[in-house]
Amino acid sequence: MLAACASVPTESSINAKINYATAANNPFIENNYKAADALAQQLNGKINPAQPMIIATLVNIDELSSSSTFGRLASEQISSRFSQAGYSMIEMKFRDYVYMKQDQGELLLTREIKDVAKNHNAQAVIAGTYALSSDAVFVNLKVIQPSTNVVLAVHDYAFPMDSNLRSMTRTIRK
């Protein structure tokens, strides 16, 4: 019985595994930054980094009108990386005339891209989907020219499903 109790994780053993340094170096951030870097590399010469771009919240491919913490956070990190690389990214959350579905983020469907991009004078829109499996979260990102719907860059990547991602991919229902 004592051996069984000894293997039960305690709060201090859990806290010892996760600290500020390990949290800051979480591969979730690195994978989203690498995805943004891959898109930026494909865009080299196709768009002007000084002209505005917008990003839509990544949505669940099986329910395009919903997202999750995963979709919102991935979008934020991808936008951050583009900003760090010198691209002019418009912060959509501060715009009064963009429809924001509560708990979902900035959801842009194809039919809305032209209107929203025109309202923001955006030369390109980053949009994406994610798909959930029991073992992984698969992500597809596209940079789309809103005036023509032409895809200028695309990148696919995946995350192994773990307890953090399982919690971040739950859709909030109200």
N, C-alpha and C. Protein backbone atom coordinates (compact mmCIF):
# COMPACT_ATOMS: atom_id res chain seq x y z
N MET A 1 0.82 -1.19 0.00
CA MET A 1 0.00 0.00 0.00
C MET A 1 0.86 1.26 0.00
N LEU A 2 1.96 1.24 0.74
CA LEU A 2 2.85 2.39 0.75
C LEU A 2 3.47 2.63 -0.62
N ALA A 3 3.78 1.58 -1.34
CA ALA A 3 4.35 1.74 -2.68
C ALA A 3 3.35 2.42 -3.61
N ALA A 4 2.09 2.09 -3.49
CA ALA A 4 1.06 2.71 -4.33
C ALA A 4 0.94 4.19 -4.02
N CYS A 5 1.00 4.56 -2.76
CA CYS A 5 0.91 5.97 -2.37
C CYS A 5 2.12 6.75 -2.84
N ALA A 6 3.27 6.12 -2.87
CA ALA A 6 4.50 6.79 -3.27
C ALA A 6 4.47 7.17 -4.75
N SER A 7 3.69 6.46 -5.57
CA SER A 7 3.67 6.75 -7.01
C SER A 7 2.63 7.80 -7.39
N VAL A 8 1.78 8.21 -6.45
CA VAL A 8 0.78 9.23 -6.73
C VAL A 8 1.46 10.60 -6.77
N PRO A 9 1.29 11.35 -7.88
CA PRO A 9 1.96 12.65 -7.95
C PRO A 9 1.40 13.63 -6.92
N THR A 10 2.27 14.36 -6.32
CA THR A 10 1.87 15.39 -5.37
C THR A 10 1.91 16.74 -6.07
N GLU A 11 1.29 17.74 -5.43
CA GLU A 11 1.28 19.08 -6.02
C GLU A 11 2.70 19.59 -6.23
N SER A 12 3.59 19.32 -5.29
CA SER A 12 4.98 19.81 -5.44
C SER A 12 5.70 19.09 -6.57
N SER A 13 5.41 17.80 -6.81
CA SER A 13 6.07 17.11 -7.92
C SER A 13 5.55 17.60 -9.26
N ILE A 14 4.26 17.95 -9.32
CA ILE A 14 3.69 18.50 -10.56
C ILE A 14 4.29 19.87 -10.83
N ASN A 15 4.35 20.71 -9.79
CA ASN A 15 4.92 22.05 -9.95
C ASN A 15 6.39 22.01 -10.32
N ALA A 16 7.11 20.99 -9.89
CA ALA A 16 8.53 20.86 -10.21
C ALA A 16 8.71 20.60 -11.71
N LYS A 17 7.75 19.96 -12.34
CA LYS A 17 7.85 19.65 -13.77
C LYS A 17 7.60 20.89 -14.62
N ILE A 18 6.71 21.78 -14.16
CA ILE A 18 6.35 22.95 -14.95
C ILE A 18 6.78 24.19 -14.18
N ASN A 19 7.63 24.97 -14.81
CA ASN A 19 8.03 26.24 -14.22
C ASN A 19 7.99 27.29 -15.31
N TYR A 20 8.38 28.49 -15.00
CA TYR A 20 8.31 29.57 -15.98
C TYR A 20 9.15 29.27 -17.22
N ALA A 21 10.33 28.72 -17.02
CA ALA A 21 11.21 28.44 -18.17
C ALA A 21 10.61 27.38 -19.08
N THR A 22 10.09 26.30 -18.50
CA THR A 22 9.53 25.26 -19.36
C THR A 22 8.24 25.74 -20.03
N ALA A 23 7.45 26.54 -19.31
CA ALA A 23 6.22 27.08 -19.92
C ALA A 23 6.57 28.01 -21.08
N ALA A 24 7.58 28.86 -20.91
CA ALA A 24 7.97 29.81 -21.96
C ALA A 24 8.53 29.10 -23.19
N ASN A 25 9.10 27.93 -23.00
CA ASN A 25 9.68 27.18 -24.11
C ASN A 25 8.77 26.06 -24.60
N ASN A 26 7.48 26.20 -24.35
CA ASN A 26 6.53 25.19 -24.77
C ASN A 26 6.56 25.04 -26.29
N PRO A 27 6.59 23.82 -26.80
CA PRO A 27 6.64 23.62 -28.26
C PRO A 27 5.42 24.15 -29.01
N PHE A 28 4.33 24.40 -28.33
CA PHE A 28 3.14 24.98 -28.98
C PHE A 28 3.49 26.31 -29.61
N ILE A 29 4.19 27.15 -28.87
CA ILE A 29 4.60 28.46 -29.38
C ILE A 29 5.56 28.29 -30.55
N GLU A 30 6.56 27.45 -30.36
CA GLU A 30 7.57 27.24 -31.41
C GLU A 30 6.95 26.72 -32.70
N ASN A 31 6.01 25.78 -32.59
CA ASN A 31 5.37 25.24 -33.81
C ASN A 31 4.56 26.29 -34.54
N ASN A 32 3.85 27.15 -33.81
CA ASN A 32 3.09 28.22 -34.47
C ASN A 32 4.02 29.25 -35.10
N TYR A 33 5.13 29.56 -34.42
CA TYR A 33 6.11 30.49 -35.00
C TYR A 33 6.74 29.90 -36.26
N LYS A 34 7.06 28.61 -36.24
CA LYS A 34 7.63 27.97 -37.43
C LYS A 34 6.64 27.98 -38.59
N ALA A 35 5.36 27.79 -38.28
CA ALA A 35 4.33 27.83 -39.33
C ALA A 35 4.25 29.22 -39.94
N ALA A 36 4.29 30.25 -39.10
CA ALA A 36 4.27 31.63 -39.60
C ALA A 36 5.51 31.91 -40.44
N ASP A 37 6.66 31.44 -39.99
CA ASP A 37 7.90 31.62 -40.75
C ASP A 37 7.82 30.95 -42.12
N ALA A 38 7.21 29.76 -42.16
CA ALA A 38 7.07 29.05 -43.44
C ALA A 38 6.17 29.83 -44.39
N LEU A 39 5.08 30.40 -43.87
CA LEU A 39 4.20 31.22 -44.71
C LEU A 39 4.93 32.46 -45.20
N ALA A 40 5.64 33.14 -44.30
CA ALA A 40 6.35 34.37 -44.66
C ALA A 40 7.39 34.10 -45.74
N GLN A 41 8.06 32.97 -45.64
CA GLN A 41 9.07 32.62 -46.65
C GLN A 41 8.42 32.45 -48.03
N GLN A 42 7.24 31.83 -48.08
CA GLN A 42 6.53 31.66 -49.35
C GLN A 42 6.01 32.99 -49.89
N LEU A 43 5.75 33.94 -48.99
CA LEU A 43 5.20 35.24 -49.41
C LEU A 43 6.27 36.20 -49.91
N ASN A 44 7.53 35.86 -49.72
CA ASN A 44 8.63 36.75 -50.09
C ASN A 44 8.46 37.25 -51.53
N GLY A 45 8.24 38.56 -51.67
CA GLY A 45 8.08 39.17 -52.98
C GLY A 45 6.65 39.16 -53.52
N LYS A 46 5.75 38.42 -52.89
CA LYS A 46 4.37 38.36 -53.37
C LYS A 46 3.50 39.45 -52.76
N ILE A 47 3.86 39.91 -51.56
CA ILE A 47 3.10 40.98 -50.92
C ILE A 47 4.08 41.98 -50.31
N ASN A 48 3.56 43.14 -49.99
CA ASN A 48 4.36 44.19 -49.36
C ASN A 48 4.17 44.12 -47.85
N PRO A 49 5.22 43.82 -47.08
CA PRO A 49 5.07 43.71 -45.62
C PRO A 49 4.53 44.97 -44.95
N ALA A 50 4.68 46.13 -45.59
CA ALA A 50 4.22 47.39 -45.00
C ALA A 50 2.71 47.58 -45.18
N GLN A 51 2.10 46.86 -46.11
CA GLN A 51 0.65 46.98 -46.30
C GLN A 51 -0.07 46.01 -45.36
N PRO A 52 -1.25 46.40 -44.87
CA PRO A 52 -1.92 45.63 -43.83
C PRO A 52 -2.33 44.22 -44.24
N MET A 53 -2.29 43.35 -43.24
CA MET A 53 -2.81 41.99 -43.34
C MET A 53 -3.69 41.75 -42.12
N ILE A 54 -4.63 40.82 -42.25
CA ILE A 54 -5.43 40.41 -41.11
C ILE A 54 -5.38 38.89 -40.98
N ILE A 55 -5.69 38.42 -39.79
CA ILE A 55 -5.75 36.97 -39.56
C ILE A 55 -7.11 36.63 -38.97
N ALA A 56 -7.67 35.56 -39.45
CA ALA A 56 -8.92 35.05 -38.91
C ALA A 56 -8.59 33.99 -37.87
N THR A 57 -9.49 33.79 -36.95
CA THR A 57 -9.31 32.73 -35.97
C THR A 57 -9.36 31.38 -36.67
N LEU A 58 -8.42 30.50 -36.33
CA LEU A 58 -8.46 29.15 -36.86
C LEU A 58 -9.74 28.47 -36.39
N VAL A 59 -10.41 27.78 -37.30
CA VAL A 59 -11.69 27.15 -36.97
C VAL A 59 -11.61 25.64 -37.11
N ASN A 60 -12.52 24.98 -36.42
CA ASN A 60 -12.63 23.52 -36.48
C ASN A 60 -13.16 23.14 -37.86
N ILE A 61 -12.43 22.31 -38.58
CA ILE A 61 -12.82 21.95 -39.94
C ILE A 61 -14.16 21.23 -39.99
N ASP A 62 -14.55 20.59 -38.91
CA ASP A 62 -15.83 19.88 -38.88
C ASP A 62 -17.00 20.77 -38.48
N GLU A 63 -16.70 21.98 -38.02
CA GLU A 63 -17.74 22.94 -37.65
C GLU A 63 -17.17 24.34 -37.88
N LEU A 64 -17.22 24.79 -39.12
CA LEU A 64 -16.54 26.02 -39.53
C LEU A 64 -17.01 27.28 -38.82
N SER A 65 -18.12 27.20 -38.11
CA SER A 65 -18.58 28.37 -37.38
C SER A 65 -18.13 28.36 -35.93
N SER A 66 -17.25 27.42 -35.56
CA SER A 66 -16.79 27.40 -34.18
C SER A 66 -15.28 27.25 -34.10
N SER A 67 -14.77 27.75 -33.00
CA SER A 67 -13.35 27.62 -32.72
C SER A 67 -13.19 27.21 -31.26
N SER A 68 -12.02 27.45 -30.73
CA SER A 68 -11.70 27.03 -29.37
C SER A 68 -10.52 27.87 -28.89
N THR A 69 -10.13 27.64 -27.67
CA THR A 69 -8.93 28.30 -27.15
C THR A 69 -7.75 28.01 -28.06
N PHE A 70 -7.64 26.78 -28.53
CA PHE A 70 -6.55 26.41 -29.45
C PHE A 70 -6.56 27.29 -30.68
N GLY A 71 -7.70 27.43 -31.34
CA GLY A 71 -7.78 28.22 -32.56
C GLY A 71 -7.49 29.69 -32.34
N ARG A 72 -7.99 30.23 -31.24
CA ARG A 72 -7.75 31.65 -30.94
C ARG A 72 -6.29 31.90 -30.59
N LEU A 73 -5.70 31.04 -29.75
CA LEU A 73 -4.31 31.25 -29.33
C LEU A 73 -3.34 31.03 -30.49
N ALA A 74 -3.57 30.00 -31.30
CA ALA A 74 -2.70 29.77 -32.46
C ALA A 74 -2.73 30.98 -33.39
N SER A 75 -3.91 31.54 -33.64
CA SER A 75 -4.03 32.73 -34.49
C SER A 75 -3.26 33.90 -33.90
N GLU A 76 -3.38 34.10 -32.60
CA GLU A 76 -2.65 35.19 -31.94
C GLU A 76 -1.15 35.02 -32.10
N GLN A 77 -0.65 33.80 -31.91
CA GLN A 77 0.80 33.56 -32.00
C GLN A 77 1.30 33.71 -33.44
N ILE A 78 0.53 33.27 -34.40
CA ILE A 78 0.92 33.43 -35.81
C ILE A 78 0.96 34.91 -36.17
N SER A 79 -0.05 35.65 -35.74
CA SER A 79 -0.05 37.09 -35.97
C SER A 79 1.14 37.77 -35.30
N SER A 80 1.46 37.36 -34.09
CA SER A 80 2.61 37.91 -33.37
C SER A 80 3.90 37.70 -34.16
N ARG A 81 4.04 36.49 -34.69
CA ARG A 81 5.28 36.18 -35.42
C ARG A 81 5.39 37.02 -36.70
N PHE A 82 4.27 37.22 -37.39
CA PHE A 82 4.30 38.08 -38.57
C PHE A 82 4.66 39.51 -38.18
N SER A 83 4.13 39.99 -37.07
CA SER A 83 4.49 41.33 -36.58
C SER A 83 5.97 41.42 -36.26
N GLN A 84 6.49 40.39 -35.60
CA GLN A 84 7.92 40.36 -35.28
C GLN A 84 8.79 40.40 -36.53
N ALA A 85 8.28 39.84 -37.62
CA ALA A 85 9.02 39.80 -38.89
C ALA A 85 8.85 41.08 -39.70
N GLY A 86 8.10 42.06 -39.15
CA GLY A 86 7.96 43.34 -39.83
C GLY A 86 6.72 43.50 -40.67
N TYR A 87 5.80 42.55 -40.62
CA TYR A 87 4.55 42.67 -41.37
C TYR A 87 3.58 43.55 -40.59
N SER A 88 2.78 44.31 -41.31
CA SER A 88 1.77 45.18 -40.72
C SER A 88 0.49 44.36 -40.50
N MET A 89 0.26 43.97 -39.24
CA MET A 89 -0.90 43.16 -38.90
C MET A 89 -1.94 44.03 -38.20
N ILE A 90 -3.17 43.97 -38.68
CA ILE A 90 -4.26 44.73 -38.06
C ILE A 90 -4.83 43.91 -36.92
N GLU A 91 -4.97 44.53 -35.77
CA GLU A 91 -5.57 43.86 -34.61
C GLU A 91 -7.08 43.96 -34.74
N MET A 92 -7.71 42.85 -35.02
CA MET A 92 -9.14 42.83 -35.29
C MET A 92 -9.99 43.06 -34.05
N LYS A 93 -9.51 42.70 -32.90
CA LYS A 93 -10.33 42.81 -31.69
C LYS A 93 -10.65 44.25 -31.33
N PHE A 94 -9.92 45.21 -31.87
CA PHE A 94 -10.17 46.61 -31.57
C PHE A 94 -11.04 47.29 -32.61
N ARG A 95 -11.53 46.57 -33.58
CA ARG A 95 -12.36 47.15 -34.63
C ARG A 95 -13.83 47.02 -34.26
N ASP A 96 -14.57 48.11 -34.36
CA ASP A 96 -15.98 48.11 -33.99
C ASP A 96 -16.86 47.38 -35.00
N TYR A 97 -16.45 47.37 -36.25
CA TYR A 97 -17.36 46.87 -37.27
C TYR A 97 -17.04 45.44 -37.73
N VAL A 98 -16.27 44.71 -36.94
CA VAL A 98 -16.06 43.30 -37.24
C VAL A 98 -16.93 42.50 -36.30
N TYR A 99 -17.73 41.62 -36.85
CA TYR A 99 -18.59 40.78 -36.03
C TYR A 99 -17.73 39.77 -35.29
N MET A 100 -17.88 39.75 -33.98
CA MET A 100 -17.13 38.81 -33.15
C MET A 100 -18.13 37.93 -32.42
N LYS A 101 -18.14 36.67 -32.74
CA LYS A 101 -19.01 35.74 -32.06
C LYS A 101 -18.44 35.48 -30.68
N GLN A 102 -19.26 35.63 -29.65
CA GLN A 102 -18.78 35.48 -28.29
C GLN A 102 -18.09 34.12 -28.12
N ASP A 103 -16.92 34.13 -27.48
CA ASP A 103 -16.11 32.96 -27.19
C ASP A 103 -15.55 32.28 -28.43
N GLN A 104 -15.64 32.89 -29.58
CA GLN A 104 -15.12 32.26 -30.78
C GLN A 104 -13.94 33.02 -31.37
N GLY A 105 -13.97 34.34 -31.37
CA GLY A 105 -12.91 35.11 -31.99
C GLY A 105 -13.36 35.66 -33.32
N GLU A 106 -12.40 36.06 -34.14
CA GLU A 106 -12.71 36.64 -35.44
C GLU A 106 -12.87 35.51 -36.45
N LEU A 107 -14.10 35.17 -36.75
CA LEU A 107 -14.36 34.08 -37.68
C LEU A 107 -14.63 34.66 -39.06
N LEU A 108 -13.85 34.24 -40.02
CA LEU A 108 -14.06 34.73 -41.38
C LEU A 108 -14.32 33.56 -42.30
N LEU A 109 -15.48 33.55 -42.90
CA LEU A 109 -15.79 32.57 -43.92
C LEU A 109 -15.45 33.17 -45.26
N THR A 110 -15.29 32.35 -46.26
CA THR A 110 -14.87 32.82 -47.57
C THR A 110 -15.70 33.98 -48.07
N ARG A 111 -17.01 33.91 -47.89
CA ARG A 111 -17.88 34.98 -48.39
C ARG A 111 -17.66 36.30 -47.66
N GLU A 112 -17.08 36.25 -46.45
CA GLU A 112 -16.86 37.46 -45.68
C GLU A 112 -15.48 38.07 -45.90
N ILE A 113 -14.56 37.30 -46.43
CA ILE A 113 -13.17 37.75 -46.55
C ILE A 113 -13.05 39.03 -47.35
N LYS A 114 -13.69 39.09 -48.51
CA LYS A 114 -13.57 40.28 -49.36
C LYS A 114 -14.07 41.53 -48.64
N ASP A 115 -15.22 41.42 -47.98
CA ASP A 115 -15.79 42.59 -47.30
C ASP A 115 -14.91 43.06 -46.14
N VAL A 116 -14.48 42.13 -45.31
CA VAL A 116 -13.66 42.50 -44.15
C VAL A 116 -12.32 43.05 -44.61
N ALA A 117 -11.70 42.42 -45.58
CA ALA A 117 -10.40 42.90 -46.09
C ALA A 117 -10.55 44.28 -46.71
N LYS A 118 -11.63 44.50 -47.43
CA LYS A 118 -11.85 45.81 -48.05
C LYS A 118 -12.03 46.88 -46.97
N ASN A 119 -12.80 46.56 -45.94
CA ASN A 119 -13.02 47.50 -44.84
C ASN A 119 -11.73 47.85 -44.10
N HIS A 120 -10.79 46.93 -44.09
CA HIS A 120 -9.52 47.13 -43.38
C HIS A 120 -8.37 47.46 -44.34
N ASN A 121 -8.69 47.58 -45.63
CA ASN A 121 -7.66 47.84 -46.64
C ASN A 121 -6.54 46.81 -46.55
N ALA A 122 -6.90 45.55 -46.33
CA ALA A 122 -5.93 44.47 -46.17
C ALA A 122 -5.60 43.84 -47.51
N GLN A 123 -4.31 43.68 -47.76
CA GLN A 123 -3.87 43.05 -49.00
C GLN A 123 -3.95 41.53 -48.94
N ALA A 124 -3.96 40.98 -47.72
CA ALA A 124 -3.98 39.53 -47.57
C ALA A 124 -4.64 39.16 -46.24
N VAL A 125 -5.19 37.94 -46.23
CA VAL A 125 -5.83 37.40 -45.04
C VAL A 125 -5.21 36.04 -44.75
N ILE A 126 -4.84 35.83 -43.50
CA ILE A 126 -4.38 34.50 -43.07
C ILE A 126 -5.59 33.80 -42.47
N ALA A 127 -5.91 32.63 -42.99
CA ALA A 127 -7.04 31.85 -42.50
C ALA A 127 -6.57 30.42 -42.29
N GLY A 128 -7.28 29.71 -41.45
CA GLY A 128 -6.86 28.34 -41.21
C GLY A 128 -7.92 27.49 -40.56
N THR A 129 -7.70 26.19 -40.64
CA THR A 129 -8.57 25.22 -40.01
C THR A 129 -7.72 24.25 -39.20
N TYR A 130 -8.39 23.58 -38.26
CA TYR A 130 -7.73 22.50 -37.55
C TYR A 130 -8.68 21.32 -37.47
N ALA A 131 -8.09 20.13 -37.42
CA ALA A 131 -8.87 18.90 -37.31
C ALA A 131 -8.35 18.10 -36.13
N LEU A 132 -9.26 17.53 -35.39
CA LEU A 132 -8.90 16.78 -34.20
C LEU A 132 -8.97 15.29 -34.46
N SER A 133 -7.96 14.57 -33.99
CA SER A 133 -8.01 13.11 -33.97
C SER A 133 -7.69 12.69 -32.55
N SER A 134 -7.73 11.42 -32.29
CA SER A 134 -7.42 10.95 -30.94
C SER A 134 -5.95 11.17 -30.59
N ASP A 135 -5.10 11.25 -31.61
CA ASP A 135 -3.66 11.35 -31.37
C ASP A 135 -3.04 12.70 -31.71
N ALA A 136 -3.76 13.55 -32.46
CA ALA A 136 -3.12 14.77 -32.95
C ALA A 136 -4.15 15.85 -33.28
N VAL A 137 -3.63 17.07 -33.42
CA VAL A 137 -4.39 18.19 -33.96
C VAL A 137 -3.66 18.60 -35.24
N PHE A 138 -4.35 18.54 -36.36
CA PHE A 138 -3.77 18.87 -37.65
C PHE A 138 -4.22 20.27 -38.05
N VAL A 139 -3.28 21.09 -38.52
CA VAL A 139 -3.57 22.49 -38.84
C VAL A 139 -3.24 22.77 -40.30
N ASN A 140 -4.10 23.53 -40.96
CA ASN A 140 -3.86 24.01 -42.31
C ASN A 140 -3.99 25.52 -42.29
N LEU A 141 -2.95 26.21 -42.74
CA LEU A 141 -2.95 27.68 -42.82
C LEU A 141 -2.84 28.10 -44.27
N LYS A 142 -3.53 29.19 -44.62
CA LYS A 142 -3.45 29.75 -45.96
C LYS A 142 -3.38 31.26 -45.87
N VAL A 143 -2.61 31.86 -46.75
CA VAL A 143 -2.63 33.30 -46.93
C VAL A 143 -3.36 33.53 -48.25
N ILE A 144 -4.45 34.28 -48.18
CA ILE A 144 -5.34 34.45 -49.32
C ILE A 144 -5.36 35.92 -49.73
N GLN A 145 -5.29 36.13 -51.03
CA GLN A 145 -5.46 37.49 -51.57
C GLN A 145 -6.96 37.72 -51.70
N PRO A 146 -7.52 38.61 -50.89
CA PRO A 146 -8.98 38.73 -50.84
C PRO A 146 -9.64 39.21 -52.12
N SER A 147 -8.95 39.99 -52.93
CA SER A 147 -9.57 40.51 -54.16
C SER A 147 -9.79 39.41 -55.20
N THR A 148 -8.99 38.32 -55.12
CA THR A 148 -9.09 37.26 -56.12
C THR A 148 -9.37 35.88 -55.53
N ASN A 149 -9.29 35.75 -54.20
CA ASN A 149 -9.38 34.46 -53.50
C ASN A 149 -8.25 33.51 -53.87
N VAL A 150 -7.17 34.04 -54.44
CA VAL A 150 -6.01 33.23 -54.79
C VAL A 150 -5.21 32.96 -53.52
N VAL A 151 -4.81 31.70 -53.34
CA VAL A 151 -3.99 31.31 -52.21
C VAL A 151 -2.53 31.64 -52.55
N LEU A 152 -1.92 32.48 -51.73
CA LEU A 152 -0.54 32.93 -51.97
C LEU A 152 0.48 32.06 -51.25
N ALA A 153 0.08 31.44 -50.14
CA ALA A 153 0.98 30.59 -49.37
C ALA A 153 0.13 29.62 -48.56
N VAL A 154 0.70 28.46 -48.27
CA VAL A 154 -0.01 27.45 -47.49
C VAL A 154 0.99 26.66 -46.67
N HIS A 155 0.56 26.25 -45.50
CA HIS A 155 1.43 25.43 -44.64
C HIS A 155 0.56 24.51 -43.79
N ASP A 156 0.98 23.25 -43.70
CA ASP A 156 0.31 22.26 -42.87
C ASP A 156 1.27 21.81 -41.78
N TYR A 157 0.74 21.62 -40.58
CA TYR A 157 1.55 21.10 -39.48
C TYR A 157 0.63 20.43 -38.47
N ALA A 158 1.22 19.78 -37.47
CA ALA A 158 0.41 19.02 -36.51
C ALA A 158 1.04 19.10 -35.12
N PHE A 159 0.19 18.89 -34.13
CA PHE A 159 0.60 18.81 -32.73
C PHE A 159 0.18 17.45 -32.19
N PRO A 160 1.00 16.84 -31.37
CA PRO A 160 0.53 15.61 -30.72
C PRO A 160 -0.53 15.97 -29.68
N MET A 161 -1.58 15.18 -29.61
CA MET A 161 -2.66 15.43 -28.65
C MET A 161 -2.15 15.09 -27.25
N ASP A 162 -2.22 16.06 -26.38
CA ASP A 162 -1.88 15.83 -24.98
C ASP A 162 -2.95 16.48 -24.12
N SER A 163 -2.80 16.45 -22.83
CA SER A 163 -3.85 16.98 -21.95
C SER A 163 -4.04 18.49 -22.15
N ASN A 164 -2.95 19.23 -22.42
CA ASN A 164 -3.08 20.67 -22.68
C ASN A 164 -3.92 20.93 -23.93
N LEU A 165 -3.60 20.23 -25.02
CA LEU A 165 -4.35 20.44 -26.26
C LEU A 165 -5.79 19.95 -26.13
N ARG A 166 -5.98 18.86 -25.42
CA ARG A 166 -7.34 18.36 -25.21
C ARG A 166 -8.18 19.43 -24.52
N SER A 167 -7.60 20.08 -23.54
CA SER A 167 -8.32 21.13 -22.82
C SER A 167 -8.52 22.37 -23.71
N MET A 168 -7.55 22.72 -24.54
CA MET A 168 -7.66 23.92 -25.39
C MET A 168 -8.57 23.72 -26.60
N THR A 169 -8.86 22.50 -26.97
CA THR A 169 -9.69 22.26 -28.16
C THR A 169 -11.15 22.02 -27.82
N ARG A 170 -11.49 22.06 -26.55
CA ARG A 170 -12.91 21.96 -26.20
C ARG A 170 -13.62 23.22 -26.67
N THR A 171 -14.71 23.04 -27.37
CA THR A 171 -15.52 24.18 -27.83
C THR A 171 -16.42 24.62 -26.70
N ILE A 172 -16.45 25.91 -26.46
CA ILE A 172 -17.30 26.47 -25.42
C ILE A 172 -18.71 26.62 -25.98
N ARG A 173 -19.65 26.05 -25.32
CA ARG A 173 -21.06 26.13 -25.74
C ARG A 173 -21.82 26.93 -24.69
N LYS A 174 -22.67 27.83 -25.14
CA LYS A 174 -23.50 28.60 -24.21
C LYS A 174 -24.94 28.45 -24.57
